[in-house]
Amino acid sequence: VTMEACGPYIVDEIEYKNQNAEINRFYDKSCENADEAKPVTLEEGQICVVFSEELKCWCRAVIKSIMYCAGHYQTECFLGDYAKYYFVLTK
């Protein structure tokens, strides 16, 4: 394998990491005014950004389900960049 064959993948990975860093900077700053960053409604299939306590970062996600449990709503989200399911409180 030559570097020329790998070149586009290296550039894409760098762009991907830069994009994730930008998402985290934006939402860390928006977190100060969290109510402004929250969507008005939540629906299954909606694409959003959630904070993963496990990964310690903001993640792009698709809402798979919304359920009421123990006095609060939580959403089951699929974290596309990490290919895993994750539960998030809706607040």
Protein backbone atom coordinates (compact mmCIF):
# COMPACT_ATOMS: atom_id res chain seq x y z
CA VAL A 1 0.00 0.00 0.00
CA THR A 2 1.36 3.37 -0.94
CA MET A 3 0.80 6.65 0.87
CA GLU A 4 -0.98 7.98 -2.23
CA ALA A 5 -3.63 5.25 -1.87
CA CYS A 6 -4.12 6.13 1.81
CA GLY A 7 -4.01 9.88 1.31
CA PRO A 8 -7.73 10.60 1.00
CA TYR A 9 -8.51 8.52 4.09
CA ILE A 10 -5.96 10.41 6.15
CA VAL A 11 -7.43 13.74 5.05
CA ASP A 12 -10.97 12.50 5.77
CA GLU A 13 -9.93 11.33 9.24
CA ILE A 14 -8.33 14.70 10.02
CA GLU A 15 -11.43 16.53 8.77
CA TYR A 16 -13.63 14.20 10.84
CA LYS A 17 -11.60 14.85 14.01
CA ASN A 18 -11.67 18.60 13.35
CA GLN A 19 -15.43 18.51 12.83
CA ASN A 20 -15.95 16.60 16.10
CA ALA A 21 -13.74 19.08 17.95
CA GLU A 22 -15.77 21.95 16.49
CA ILE A 23 -19.06 20.28 17.52
CA ASN A 24 -17.74 19.86 21.08
CA ARG A 25 -16.55 23.48 21.30
CA PHE A 26 -19.90 24.75 19.99
CA TYR A 27 -22.05 22.68 22.36
CA ASP A 28 -19.77 23.21 25.36
CA LYS A 29 -20.28 26.94 24.82
CA SER A 30 -24.04 26.50 24.14
CA CYS A 31 -24.34 24.48 27.34
CA GLU A 32 -24.04 27.75 29.26
CA ASN A 33 -27.45 28.63 27.76
CA ALA A 34 -28.71 25.05 27.54
CA ASP A 35 -32.34 26.01 27.06
CA GLU A 36 -31.43 27.83 23.85
CA ALA A 37 -29.67 24.75 22.45
CA LYS A 38 -32.50 22.30 23.19
CA PRO A 39 -34.90 21.35 20.41
CA VAL A 40 -38.50 22.44 20.93
CA THR A 41 -39.84 18.93 20.35
CA LEU A 42 -38.38 15.43 20.33
CA GLU A 43 -39.53 12.75 17.92
CA GLU A 44 -38.39 9.27 17.00
CA GLY A 45 -36.12 9.43 13.96
CA GLN A 46 -35.01 12.99 14.76
CA ILE A 47 -31.32 13.74 14.36
CA CYS A 48 -29.79 15.65 17.26
CA VAL A 49 -26.67 16.05 19.36
CA VAL A 50 -26.42 14.48 22.83
CA PHE A 51 -23.76 14.54 25.52
CA SER A 52 -22.41 11.09 26.37
CA GLU A 53 -21.22 10.86 29.97
CA GLU A 54 -19.47 7.60 29.07
CA LEU A 55 -17.53 9.09 26.14
CA LYS A 56 -17.24 12.58 27.73
CA CYS A 57 -18.15 14.32 24.48
CA TRP A 58 -21.04 15.55 22.35
CA CYS A 59 -22.23 13.01 19.78
CA ARG A 60 -24.43 13.11 16.72
CA ALA A 61 -27.41 10.87 17.35
CA VAL A 62 -30.71 9.60 16.00
CA ILE A 63 -33.59 9.28 18.48
CA LYS A 64 -34.82 5.69 18.40
CA SER A 65 -37.42 5.86 21.17
CA ILE A 66 -38.75 8.13 23.91
CA MET A 67 -40.02 6.59 27.12
CA TYR A 68 -41.27 7.66 30.53
CA CYS A 69 -39.43 5.92 33.36
CA ALA A 70 -39.19 6.63 37.10
CA GLY A 71 -40.70 10.11 36.89
CA HIS A 72 -38.78 11.43 33.88
CA TYR A 73 -38.50 11.00 30.14
CA GLN A 74 -35.47 9.42 28.56
CA THR A 75 -34.53 8.79 24.97
CA GLU A 76 -32.79 5.85 23.44
CA CYS A 77 -30.38 7.28 20.89
CA PHE A 78 -28.16 5.69 18.30
CA LEU A 79 -24.76 7.40 18.28
CA GLY A 80 -23.90 7.24 14.60
CA ASP A 81 -20.21 8.04 14.92
CA TYR A 82 -19.72 5.33 17.53
CA ALA A 83 -22.28 2.77 16.26
CA LYS A 84 -23.79 2.26 19.69
CA TYR A 85 -27.07 2.82 21.50
CA TYR A 86 -27.18 5.18 24.46
CA PHE A 87 -29.89 6.37 26.88
CA VAL A 88 -30.16 10.10 27.62
CA LEU A 89 -32.49 12.00 29.96
CA THR A 90 -34.54 14.44 27.92
CA LYS A 91 -33.88 17.33 30.29
